[in-house]
N, C-alpha and C. Protein backbone atom coordinates (compact mmCIF):
# COMPACT_ATOMS: atom_id res chain seq x y z
N MET A 1 -4.98 17.72 6.30
CA MET A 1 -5.80 16.74 7.00
C MET A 1 -5.83 17.08 8.48
N ARG A 2 -6.96 16.95 9.08
CA ARG A 2 -7.11 17.20 10.51
C ARG A 2 -6.90 15.88 11.25
N TYR A 3 -5.90 15.85 12.10
CA TYR A 3 -5.57 14.63 12.84
C TYR A 3 -6.28 14.63 14.18
N ARG A 4 -6.65 13.42 14.63
CA ARG A 4 -7.32 13.25 15.92
C ARG A 4 -6.66 12.11 16.68
N ILE A 5 -6.73 12.17 17.99
CA ILE A 5 -6.19 11.11 18.84
C ILE A 5 -6.96 9.82 18.54
N GLY A 6 -6.22 8.74 18.38
CA GLY A 6 -6.81 7.44 18.09
C GLY A 6 -6.77 7.06 16.62
N MET A 7 -6.46 8.03 15.76
CA MET A 7 -6.38 7.73 14.33
C MET A 7 -5.19 6.82 14.05
N ILE A 8 -5.36 5.89 13.12
CA ILE A 8 -4.28 5.02 12.68
C ILE A 8 -3.93 5.43 11.26
N ILE A 9 -2.66 5.81 11.06
CA ILE A 9 -2.22 6.32 9.77
C ILE A 9 -0.86 5.74 9.41
N GLU A 10 -0.47 5.91 8.16
CA GLU A 10 0.86 5.49 7.71
C GLU A 10 1.72 6.70 7.48
N GLY A 11 2.99 6.55 7.78
CA GLY A 11 3.94 7.63 7.56
C GLY A 11 5.32 7.07 7.27
N ARG A 12 6.22 7.96 6.89
CA ARG A 12 7.59 7.56 6.55
C ARG A 12 8.54 8.13 7.60
N ILE A 13 9.46 7.31 8.08
CA ILE A 13 10.44 7.76 9.07
C ILE A 13 11.45 8.66 8.38
N THR A 14 11.60 9.88 8.93
CA THR A 14 12.50 10.87 8.33
C THR A 14 13.77 11.07 9.13
N GLY A 15 13.77 10.67 10.40
CA GLY A 15 14.96 10.84 11.22
C GLY A 15 14.87 10.01 12.48
N ILE A 16 16.04 9.61 12.98
CA ILE A 16 16.11 8.81 14.20
C ILE A 16 17.08 9.46 15.16
N GLN A 17 16.65 9.61 16.40
CA GLN A 17 17.47 10.13 17.49
C GLN A 17 17.49 9.08 18.60
N PRO A 18 18.38 9.21 19.58
CA PRO A 18 18.42 8.21 20.66
C PRO A 18 17.11 8.12 21.45
N TYR A 19 16.31 9.17 21.45
CA TYR A 19 15.07 9.20 22.22
C TYR A 19 13.82 8.83 21.41
N GLY A 20 13.94 8.71 20.08
CA GLY A 20 12.77 8.37 19.28
C GLY A 20 12.99 8.59 17.79
N ALA A 21 11.91 8.43 17.03
CA ALA A 21 11.97 8.56 15.57
C ALA A 21 10.93 9.57 15.11
N PHE A 22 11.33 10.40 14.14
CA PHE A 22 10.43 11.38 13.55
C PHE A 22 9.76 10.77 12.33
N VAL A 23 8.45 10.99 12.22
CA VAL A 23 7.66 10.39 11.15
C VAL A 23 6.94 11.51 10.40
N SER A 24 7.08 11.49 9.08
CA SER A 24 6.36 12.43 8.23
C SER A 24 4.98 11.86 7.93
N LEU A 25 3.94 12.56 8.38
CA LEU A 25 2.58 12.10 8.17
C LEU A 25 2.02 12.61 6.84
N ASP A 26 2.41 13.81 6.47
CA ASP A 26 2.10 14.38 5.16
C ASP A 26 3.18 15.41 4.85
N ASN A 27 2.98 16.22 3.83
CA ASN A 27 4.01 17.18 3.43
C ASN A 27 4.31 18.24 4.48
N ARG A 28 3.33 18.56 5.34
CA ARG A 28 3.50 19.62 6.33
C ARG A 28 3.57 19.14 7.76
N THR A 29 3.22 17.91 8.04
CA THR A 29 3.06 17.45 9.41
C THR A 29 4.03 16.32 9.75
N GLN A 30 4.68 16.47 10.91
CA GLN A 30 5.55 15.42 11.44
C GLN A 30 5.11 15.06 12.85
N GLY A 31 5.41 13.84 13.25
CA GLY A 31 5.14 13.39 14.60
C GLY A 31 6.35 12.65 15.13
N LEU A 32 6.32 12.33 16.42
CA LEU A 32 7.43 11.64 17.07
C LEU A 32 6.95 10.34 17.69
N ILE A 33 7.69 9.26 17.40
CA ILE A 33 7.49 7.99 18.10
C ILE A 33 8.57 7.94 19.17
N HIS A 34 8.18 8.08 20.43
CA HIS A 34 9.16 8.00 21.52
C HIS A 34 9.67 6.56 21.60
N ILE A 35 10.90 6.39 22.06
CA ILE A 35 11.52 5.06 22.11
C ILE A 35 10.67 4.07 22.92
N SER A 36 9.95 4.57 23.93
CA SER A 36 9.12 3.69 24.74
C SER A 36 7.84 3.26 24.02
N GLU A 37 7.53 3.89 22.89
CA GLU A 37 6.32 3.58 22.14
C GLU A 37 6.58 2.81 20.86
N CYS A 38 7.83 2.34 20.66
CA CYS A 38 8.11 1.65 19.41
C CYS A 38 7.97 0.14 19.53
N HIS A 39 8.00 -0.41 20.74
CA HIS A 39 7.93 -1.86 20.89
C HIS A 39 7.62 -2.19 22.35
N HIS A 40 6.90 -3.30 22.58
CA HIS A 40 6.66 -3.76 23.95
C HIS A 40 7.99 -4.20 24.56
N GLY A 41 8.19 -3.91 25.81
CA GLY A 41 9.41 -4.30 26.49
C GLY A 41 10.49 -3.24 26.36
N TYR A 42 11.69 -3.60 26.79
CA TYR A 42 12.81 -2.66 26.80
C TYR A 42 13.44 -2.56 25.42
N VAL A 43 13.68 -1.33 24.98
CA VAL A 43 14.33 -1.08 23.69
C VAL A 43 15.67 -0.41 23.99
N ASP A 44 16.75 -1.12 23.72
CA ASP A 44 18.09 -0.59 23.97
C ASP A 44 18.49 0.40 22.89
N ASN A 45 18.26 0.04 21.64
CA ASN A 45 18.65 0.88 20.51
C ASN A 45 17.50 0.91 19.51
N ILE A 46 16.94 2.08 19.31
CA ILE A 46 15.78 2.22 18.42
C ILE A 46 16.13 1.87 16.98
N ARG A 47 17.41 2.00 16.62
CA ARG A 47 17.83 1.69 15.25
C ARG A 47 17.72 0.19 14.93
N ASN A 48 17.59 -0.65 15.96
CA ASN A 48 17.38 -2.08 15.72
C ASN A 48 15.96 -2.37 15.25
N PHE A 49 15.03 -1.43 15.47
CA PHE A 49 13.63 -1.64 15.12
C PHE A 49 13.18 -0.80 13.93
N LEU A 50 13.75 0.40 13.78
CA LEU A 50 13.30 1.34 12.75
C LEU A 50 14.46 1.84 11.92
N LYS A 51 14.19 2.14 10.65
CA LYS A 51 15.20 2.66 9.72
C LYS A 51 14.65 3.91 9.04
N VAL A 52 15.52 4.85 8.69
CA VAL A 52 15.12 6.04 7.96
C VAL A 52 14.60 5.63 6.59
N GLY A 53 13.46 6.18 6.19
CA GLY A 53 12.83 5.85 4.92
C GLY A 53 11.79 4.74 5.02
N GLN A 54 11.75 4.06 6.14
CA GLN A 54 10.80 2.96 6.34
C GLN A 54 9.38 3.50 6.50
N MET A 55 8.42 2.83 5.88
CA MET A 55 7.01 3.17 6.07
C MET A 55 6.51 2.44 7.31
N VAL A 56 5.80 3.16 8.17
CA VAL A 56 5.29 2.57 9.41
C VAL A 56 3.82 2.92 9.58
N ARG A 57 3.12 2.02 10.23
CA ARG A 57 1.72 2.24 10.60
C ARG A 57 1.72 2.64 12.06
N VAL A 58 1.14 3.80 12.37
CA VAL A 58 1.19 4.34 13.73
C VAL A 58 -0.19 4.80 14.18
N MET A 59 -0.32 4.92 15.50
CA MET A 59 -1.53 5.47 16.10
C MET A 59 -1.18 6.80 16.76
N ILE A 60 -2.04 7.78 16.59
CA ILE A 60 -1.84 9.07 17.26
C ILE A 60 -2.32 8.92 18.69
N ILE A 61 -1.40 9.13 19.66
CA ILE A 61 -1.75 8.96 21.06
C ILE A 61 -1.88 10.28 21.80
N ASP A 62 -1.35 11.37 21.23
CA ASP A 62 -1.47 12.67 21.88
C ASP A 62 -1.20 13.78 20.87
N ILE A 63 -1.91 14.88 21.02
CA ILE A 63 -1.67 16.08 20.21
C ILE A 63 -1.64 17.26 21.16
N ASP A 64 -0.52 17.97 21.18
CA ASP A 64 -0.40 19.18 21.98
C ASP A 64 -0.97 20.33 21.15
N GLU A 65 -2.14 20.81 21.51
CA GLU A 65 -2.81 21.83 20.71
C GLU A 65 -2.08 23.16 20.74
N TYR A 66 -1.33 23.43 21.80
CA TYR A 66 -0.61 24.69 21.91
C TYR A 66 0.60 24.72 20.98
N THR A 67 1.39 23.64 20.99
CA THR A 67 2.61 23.59 20.17
C THR A 67 2.39 22.86 18.84
N GLY A 68 1.33 22.08 18.75
CA GLY A 68 1.07 21.33 17.52
C GLY A 68 1.86 20.04 17.41
N LYS A 69 2.54 19.63 18.48
CA LYS A 69 3.33 18.40 18.44
C LYS A 69 2.41 17.18 18.52
N ILE A 70 2.74 16.17 17.70
CA ILE A 70 1.95 14.95 17.64
C ILE A 70 2.79 13.79 18.15
N SER A 71 2.26 13.05 19.12
CA SER A 71 2.93 11.86 19.65
C SER A 71 2.31 10.63 19.01
N LEU A 72 3.18 9.73 18.57
CA LEU A 72 2.75 8.54 17.84
C LEU A 72 3.18 7.27 18.57
N SER A 73 2.53 6.16 18.25
CA SER A 73 2.88 4.88 18.86
C SER A 73 2.73 3.74 17.86
N ILE A 74 3.73 2.88 17.83
CA ILE A 74 3.63 1.61 17.11
C ILE A 74 3.19 0.53 18.09
N ARG A 75 3.62 0.67 19.33
CA ARG A 75 3.34 -0.31 20.38
C ARG A 75 1.84 -0.51 20.59
N CYS A 76 1.05 0.54 20.45
CA CYS A 76 -0.40 0.42 20.62
C CYS A 76 -1.04 -0.50 19.60
N LEU A 77 -0.40 -0.67 18.46
CA LEU A 77 -0.95 -1.51 17.40
C LEU A 77 -0.47 -2.95 17.49
N GLU A 78 0.54 -3.20 18.32
CA GLU A 78 1.06 -4.56 18.48
C GLU A 78 0.22 -5.31 19.49
N LYS A 79 0.15 -6.61 19.31
CA LYS A 79 -0.55 -7.44 20.28
C LYS A 79 0.35 -7.61 21.50
N ALA A 80 -0.19 -7.31 22.66
CA ALA A 80 0.58 -7.43 23.89
C ALA A 80 0.77 -8.90 24.25
N PHE A 81 1.88 -9.20 24.91
CA PHE A 81 2.15 -10.57 25.34
C PHE A 81 1.17 -10.94 26.45
N ASP A 82 0.60 -12.12 26.35
CA ASP A 82 -0.38 -12.58 27.33
C ASP A 82 0.33 -13.34 28.44
N PHE A 83 0.47 -12.70 29.60
CA PHE A 83 1.15 -13.32 30.73
C PHE A 83 0.24 -14.29 31.48
N SER A 84 -1.05 -14.27 31.22
CA SER A 84 -1.98 -15.11 31.96
C SER A 84 -2.03 -16.55 31.44
N ARG A 85 -1.48 -16.78 30.25
CA ARG A 85 -1.49 -18.13 29.68
C ARG A 85 -0.66 -19.08 30.53
N GLU A 86 -1.14 -20.28 30.65
CA GLU A 86 -0.39 -21.29 31.38
C GLU A 86 0.84 -21.70 30.58
N LYS A 87 1.89 -22.01 31.30
CA LYS A 87 3.08 -22.54 30.63
C LYS A 87 2.79 -23.97 30.20
N ARG A 88 3.14 -24.28 28.98
CA ARG A 88 2.92 -25.64 28.49
C ARG A 88 4.12 -26.49 28.85
N ARG A 89 3.83 -27.65 29.33
CA ARG A 89 4.90 -28.57 29.71
C ARG A 89 5.15 -29.56 28.59
N SER A 90 6.33 -30.10 28.61
CA SER A 90 6.65 -31.12 27.61
C SER A 90 5.89 -32.41 27.95
N GLY A 91 6.08 -33.43 27.16
CA GLY A 91 5.30 -34.65 27.25
C GLY A 91 5.46 -35.46 28.52
N PHE A 92 6.50 -35.24 29.31
CA PHE A 92 6.66 -36.07 30.50
C PHE A 92 6.26 -35.29 31.75
N ASN A 93 5.93 -36.05 32.79
CA ASN A 93 5.54 -35.46 34.06
C ASN A 93 6.72 -35.60 35.02
N HIS A 94 7.29 -34.52 35.43
CA HIS A 94 8.46 -34.53 36.31
C HIS A 94 7.99 -34.63 37.76
N ARG A 95 8.51 -35.66 38.46
CA ARG A 95 8.14 -35.84 39.86
C ARG A 95 9.38 -35.73 40.73
N LYS A 96 9.18 -35.19 41.91
CA LYS A 96 10.28 -35.09 42.86
C LYS A 96 10.06 -36.12 43.96
N TYR A 97 11.13 -36.84 44.27
CA TYR A 97 11.07 -37.83 45.33
C TYR A 97 12.04 -37.43 46.41
N TRP A 98 11.57 -37.42 47.62
CA TRP A 98 12.42 -37.08 48.76
C TRP A 98 12.93 -38.36 49.40
N THR A 99 14.17 -38.35 49.80
CA THR A 99 14.73 -39.54 50.44
C THR A 99 15.03 -39.32 51.88
């Protein structure tokens, strides 16, 4: 199969290292999910999010044509946290009184 940047595919995690997880895309092709691409926010230990043998849905974010290395991302498929939303307050209105 010819892979292209932006494709969304499923693969199986074949190995986990401190810097990322290797994913088998087919019998001949593997890609890497870097630790920064597995989840929004800070990831202390990638093993808390991914396990060997787990099936994952990933997006191809880069292909090095010279070496053939494929970079993958789970984070691109997750909905980003919306920081623009207003904070909801509880039912009472808190007032400050100065004396």
